[in-house]
Amino acid sequence: MDFLTEHATVIGLIFFFGFFCGLIAWVFLPGSSKKFKDYGEIPLKENGDDKK
């Protein structure tokens, strides 16, 4: 337990840095841009325009 309390800042830094890198990689995956573009246009659609 002493190890965890002594190194909590480093462990937190590594965890959140890994989370940030994973999130950035997930956002920029091929094929994601069309999905996010569609999500961004949801507020602009009229009722019934979303049917394909």
PDB file of N, CA and C in Angstrom:
ATOM      1  N   MET A   1       0.816  -1.189   0.000  1.00  0.00           N
ATOM      2  CA  MET A   1       0.000   0.000   0.000  1.00  0.00           C
ATOM      3  C   MET A   1       0.865   1.260   0.000  1.00  0.00           C
ATOM      4  N   ASP A   2       2.045   1.174   0.569  1.00  0.00           N
ATOM      5  CA  ASP A   2       2.938   2.329   0.576  1.00  0.00           C
ATOM      6  C   ASP A   2       3.381   2.696  -0.838  1.00  0.00           C
ATOM      7  N   PHE A   3       3.587   1.676  -1.668  1.00  0.00           N
ATOM      8  CA  PHE A   3       3.996   1.944  -3.048  1.00  0.00           C
ATOM      9  C   PHE A   3       2.937   2.760  -3.770  1.00  0.00           C
ATOM     10  N   LEU A   4       1.680   2.393  -3.571  1.00  0.00           N
ATOM     11  CA  LEU A   4       0.583   3.083  -4.243  1.00  0.00           C
ATOM     12  C   LEU A   4       0.472   4.536  -3.793  1.00  0.00           C
ATOM     13  N   THR A   5       0.596   4.783  -2.527  1.00  0.00           N
ATOM     14  CA  THR A   5       0.481   6.157  -2.037  1.00  0.00           C
ATOM     15  C   THR A   5       1.698   7.005  -2.417  1.00  0.00           C
ATOM     16  N   GLU A   6       2.861   6.401  -2.485  1.00  0.00           N
ATOM     17  CA  GLU A   6       4.062   7.152  -2.840  1.00  0.00           C
ATOM     18  C   GLU A   6       4.105   7.480  -4.329  1.00  0.00           C
ATOM     19  N   HIS A   7       3.544   6.626  -5.160  1.00  0.00           N
ATOM     20  CA  HIS A   7       3.627   6.807  -6.605  1.00  0.00           C
ATOM     21  C   HIS A   7       2.274   7.126  -7.248  1.00  0.00           C
ATOM     22  N   ALA A   8       1.332   7.630  -6.481  1.00  0.00           N
ATOM     23  CA  ALA A   8      -0.007   7.904  -7.003  1.00  0.00           C
ATOM     24  C   ALA A   8       0.019   8.945  -8.121  1.00  0.00           C
ATOM     25  N   THR A   9       0.867   9.950  -8.021  1.00  0.00           N
ATOM     26  CA  THR A   9       0.910  10.979  -9.054  1.00  0.00           C
ATOM     27  C   THR A   9       1.419  10.419 -10.372  1.00  0.00           C
ATOM     28  N   VAL A  10       2.435   9.594 -10.312  1.00  0.00           N
ATOM     29  CA  VAL A  10       2.988   9.009 -11.537  1.00  0.00           C
ATOM     30  C   VAL A  10       1.999   8.017 -12.146  1.00  0.00           C
ATOM     31  N   ILE A  11       1.363   7.219 -11.297  1.00  0.00           N
ATOM     32  CA  ILE A  11       0.375   6.256 -11.785  1.00  0.00           C
ATOM     33  C   ILE A  11      -0.793   6.990 -12.436  1.00  0.00           C
ATOM     34  N   GLY A  12      -1.265   8.064 -11.813  1.00  0.00           N
ATOM     35  CA  GLY A  12      -2.347   8.860 -12.393  1.00  0.00           C
ATOM     36  C   GLY A  12      -1.951   9.499 -13.699  1.00  0.00           C
ATOM     37  N   LEU A  13      -0.728  10.015 -13.762  1.00  0.00           N
ATOM     38  CA  LEU A  13      -0.240  10.629 -14.991  1.00  0.00           C
ATOM     39  C   LEU A  13      -0.197   9.620 -16.129  1.00  0.00           C
ATOM     40  N   ILE A  14       0.325   8.449 -15.863  1.00  0.00           N
ATOM     41  CA  ILE A  14       0.411   7.407 -16.896  1.00  0.00           C
ATOM     42  C   ILE A  14      -0.984   6.962 -17.322  1.00  0.00           C
ATOM     43  N   PHE A  15      -1.885   6.787 -16.361  1.00  0.00           N
ATOM     44  CA  PHE A  15      -3.248   6.361 -16.681  1.00  0.00           C
ATOM     45  C   PHE A  15      -3.951   7.377 -17.580  1.00  0.00           C
ATOM     46  N   PHE A  16      -3.934   8.645 -17.193  1.00  0.00           N
ATOM     47  CA  PHE A  16      -4.646   9.652 -17.963  1.00  0.00           C
ATOM     48  C   PHE A  16      -3.961   9.963 -19.293  1.00  0.00           C
ATOM     49  N   PHE A  17      -2.651   9.851 -19.357  1.00  0.00           N
ATOM     50  CA  PHE A  17      -1.964  10.012 -20.634  1.00  0.00           C
ATOM     51  C   PHE A  17      -2.348   8.886 -21.586  1.00  0.00           C
ATOM     52  N   GLY A  18      -2.411   7.656 -21.082  1.00  0.00           N
ATOM     53  CA  GLY A  18      -2.842   6.528 -21.913  1.00  0.00           C
ATOM     54  C   GLY A  18      -4.286   6.679 -22.360  1.00  0.00           C
ATOM     55  N   PHE A  19      -5.142   7.148 -21.460  1.00  0.00           N
ATOM     56  CA  PHE A  19      -6.542   7.388 -21.818  1.00  0.00           C
ATOM     57  C   PHE A  19      -6.645   8.448 -22.901  1.00  0.00           C
ATOM     58  N   PHE A  20      -5.884   9.534 -22.769  1.00  0.00           N
ATOM     59  CA  PHE A  20      -5.895  10.613 -23.754  1.00  0.00           C
ATOM     60  C   PHE A  20      -5.415  10.112 -25.118  1.00  0.00           C
ATOM     61  N   CYS A  21      -4.328   9.358 -25.132  1.00  0.00           N
ATOM     62  CA  CYS A  21      -3.814   8.828 -26.403  1.00  0.00           C
ATOM     63  C   CYS A  21      -4.806   7.865 -27.038  1.00  0.00           C
ATOM     64  N   GLY A  22      -5.440   7.034 -26.231  1.00  0.00           N
ATOM     65  CA  GLY A  22      -6.452   6.117 -26.753  1.00  0.00           C
ATOM     66  C   GLY A  22      -7.652   6.850 -27.322  1.00  0.00           C
ATOM     67  N   LEU A  23      -8.072   7.909 -26.656  1.00  0.00           N
ATOM     68  CA  LEU A  23      -9.202   8.704 -27.142  1.00  0.00           C
ATOM     69  C   LEU A  23      -8.866   9.386 -28.461  1.00  0.00           C
ATOM     70  N   ILE A  24      -7.683   9.942 -28.563  1.00  0.00           N
ATOM     71  CA  ILE A  24      -7.258  10.583 -29.812  1.00  0.00           C
ATOM     72  C   ILE A  24      -7.178   9.552 -30.941  1.00  0.00           C
ATOM     73  N   ALA A  25      -6.644   8.379 -30.663  1.00  0.00           N
ATOM     74  CA  ALA A  25      -6.559   7.330 -31.677  1.00  0.00           C
ATOM     75  C   ALA A  25      -7.956   6.889 -32.113  1.00  0.00           C
ATOM     76  N   TRP A  26      -8.893   6.787 -31.178  1.00  0.00           N
ATOM     77  CA  TRP A  26     -10.258   6.357 -31.505  1.00  0.00           C
ATOM     78  C   TRP A  26     -10.957   7.397 -32.380  1.00  0.00           C
ATOM     79  N   VAL A  27     -10.729   8.681 -32.096  1.00  0.00           N
ATOM     80  CA  VAL A  27     -11.379   9.742 -32.865  1.00  0.00           C
ATOM     81  C   VAL A  27     -10.857   9.776 -34.297  1.00  0.00           C
ATOM     82  N   PHE A  28      -9.579   9.532 -34.483  1.00  0.00           N
ATOM     83  CA  PHE A  28      -8.986   9.653 -35.804  1.00  0.00           C
ATOM     84  C   PHE A  28      -8.881   8.330 -36.554  1.00  0.00           C
ATOM     85  N   LEU A  29      -9.581   7.312 -36.116  1.00  0.00           N
ATOM     86  CA  LEU A  29      -9.600   6.050 -36.855  1.00  0.00           C
ATOM     87  C   LEU A  29     -10.229   6.256 -38.227  1.00  0.00           C
ATOM     88  N   PRO A  30      -9.774   5.520 -39.237  1.00  0.00           N
ATOM     89  CA  PRO A  30     -10.403   5.642 -40.550  1.00  0.00           C
ATOM     90  C   PRO A  30     -11.886   5.279 -40.458  1.00  0.00           C
ATOM     91  N   GLY A  31     -12.711   6.073 -41.104  1.00  0.00           N
ATOM     92  CA  GLY A  31     -14.143   5.839 -41.093  1.00  0.00           C
ATOM     93  C   GLY A  31     -14.875   6.612 -40.018  1.00  0.00           C
ATOM     94  N   SER A  32     -14.159   7.170 -39.075  1.00  0.00           N
ATOM     95  CA  SER A  32     -14.808   7.911 -37.994  1.00  0.00           C
ATOM     96  C   SER A  32     -15.303   9.275 -38.457  1.00  0.00           C
ATOM     97  N   SER A  33     -14.659   9.860 -39.447  1.00  0.00           N
ATOM     98  CA  SER A  33     -15.014  11.221 -39.840  1.00  0.00           C
ATOM     99  C   SER A  33     -16.444  11.288 -40.382  1.00  0.00           C
ATOM    100  N   LYS A  34     -16.872  10.293 -41.153  1.00  0.00           N
ATOM    101  CA  LYS A  34     -18.237  10.300 -41.675  1.00  0.00           C
ATOM    102  C   LYS A  34     -19.235  10.167 -40.537  1.00  0.00           C
ATOM    103  N   LYS A  35     -18.942   9.308 -39.585  1.00  0.00           N
ATOM    104  CA  LYS A  35     -19.840   9.108 -38.452  1.00  0.00           C
ATOM    105  C   LYS A  35     -19.966  10.395 -37.639  1.00  0.00           C
ATOM    106  N   PHE A  36     -18.840  11.062 -37.364  1.00  0.00           N
ATOM    107  CA  PHE A  36     -18.885  12.283 -36.577  1.00  0.00           C
ATOM    108  C   PHE A  36     -19.518  13.430 -37.355  1.00  0.00           C
ATOM    109  N   LYS A  37     -19.348  13.444 -38.676  1.00  0.00           N
ATOM    110  CA  LYS A  37     -20.013  14.456 -39.499  1.00  0.00           C
ATOM    111  C   LYS A  37     -21.523  14.269 -39.439  1.00  0.00           C
ATOM    112  N   ASP A  38     -21.977  13.019 -39.516  1.00  0.00           N
ATOM    113  CA  ASP A  38     -23.411  12.738 -39.393  1.00  0.00           C
ATOM    114  C   ASP A  38     -23.933  13.142 -38.014  1.00  0.00           C
ATOM    115  N   TYR A  39     -23.174  12.854 -36.973  1.00  0.00           N
ATOM    116  CA  TYR A  39     -23.580  13.238 -35.618  1.00  0.00           C
ATOM    117  C   TYR A  39     -23.648  14.755 -35.482  1.00  0.00           C
ATOM    118  N   GLY A  40     -22.745  15.459 -36.128  1.00  0.00           N
ATOM    119  CA  GLY A  40     -22.727  16.916 -36.040  1.00  0.00           C
ATOM    120  C   GLY A  40     -23.885  17.575 -36.760  1.00  0.00           C
ATOM    121  N   GLU A  41     -24.481  16.883 -37.723  1.00  0.00           N
ATOM    122  CA  GLU A  41     -25.599  17.444 -38.483  1.00  0.00           C
ATOM    123  C   GLU A  41     -26.958  17.102 -37.878  1.00  0.00           C
ATOM    124  N   ILE A  42     -26.993  16.345 -36.802  1.00  0.00           N
ATOM    125  CA  ILE A  42     -28.265  15.956 -36.190  1.00  0.00           C
ATOM    126  C   ILE A  42     -29.113  17.167 -35.800  1.00  0.00           C
ATOM    127  N   PRO A  43     -28.552  18.200 -35.167  1.00  0.00           N
ATOM    128  CA  PRO A  43     -29.412  19.332 -34.787  1.00  0.00           C
ATOM    129  C   PRO A  43     -29.972  20.100 -35.980  1.00  0.00           C
ATOM    130  N   LEU A  44     -29.361  19.972 -37.145  1.00  0.00           N
ATOM    131  CA  LEU A  44     -29.793  20.722 -38.317  1.00  0.00           C
ATOM    132  C   LEU A  44     -30.846  19.992 -39.137  1.00  0.00           C
ATOM    133  N   LYS A  45     -31.105  18.732 -38.832  1.00  0.00           N
ATOM    134  CA  LYS A  45     -32.058  17.945 -39.603  1.00  0.00           C
ATOM    135  C   LYS A  45     -33.484  18.257 -39.193  1.00  0.00           C
ATOM    136  N   GLU A  46     -34.361  18.238 -40.160  1.00  0.00           N
ATOM    137  CA  GLU A  46     -35.795  18.386 -39.904  1.00  0.00           C
ATOM    138  C   GLU A  46     -36.345  17.049 -39.474  1.00  0.00           C
ATOM    139  N   ASN A  47     -37.515  17.021 -38.902  1.00  0.00           N
ATOM    140  CA  ASN A  47     -38.163  15.762 -38.550  1.00  0.00           C
ATOM    141  C   ASN A  47     -38.481  14.990 -39.823  1.00  0.00           C
ATOM    142  N   GLY A  48     -37.947  13.797 -39.949  1.00  0.00           N
ATOM    143  CA  GLY A  48     -38.196  12.984 -41.122  1.00  0.00           C
ATOM    144  C   GLY A  48     -37.047  12.987 -42.123  1.00  0.00           C
ATOM    145  N   ASP A  49     -36.096  13.926 -41.994  1.00  0.00           N
ATOM    146  CA  ASP A  49     -34.945  13.939 -42.899  1.00  0.00           C
ATOM    147  C   ASP A  49     -33.941  12.850 -42.580  1.00  0.00           C
ATOM    148  N   ASP A  50     -34.065  12.247 -41.412  1.00  0.00           N
ATOM    149  CA  ASP A  50     -33.084  11.274 -40.990  1.00  0.00           C
ATOM    150  C   ASP A  50     -33.374   9.887 -41.540  1.00  0.00           C
ATOM    151  N   LYS A  51     -34.432   9.704 -42.284  1.00  0.00           N
ATOM    152  CA  LYS A  51     -34.747   8.406 -42.873  1.00  0.00           C
ATOM    153  C   LYS A  51     -33.916   8.212 -44.122  1.00  0.00           C
ATOM    154  N   LYS A  52     -33.305   7.039 -44.239  1.00  0.00           N
ATOM    155  CA  LYS A  52     -32.444   6.775 -45.414  1.00  0.00           C
ATOM    156  C   LYS A  52     -33.061   5.713 -46.271  1.00  0.00           C
TER     157      LYS A  52
END
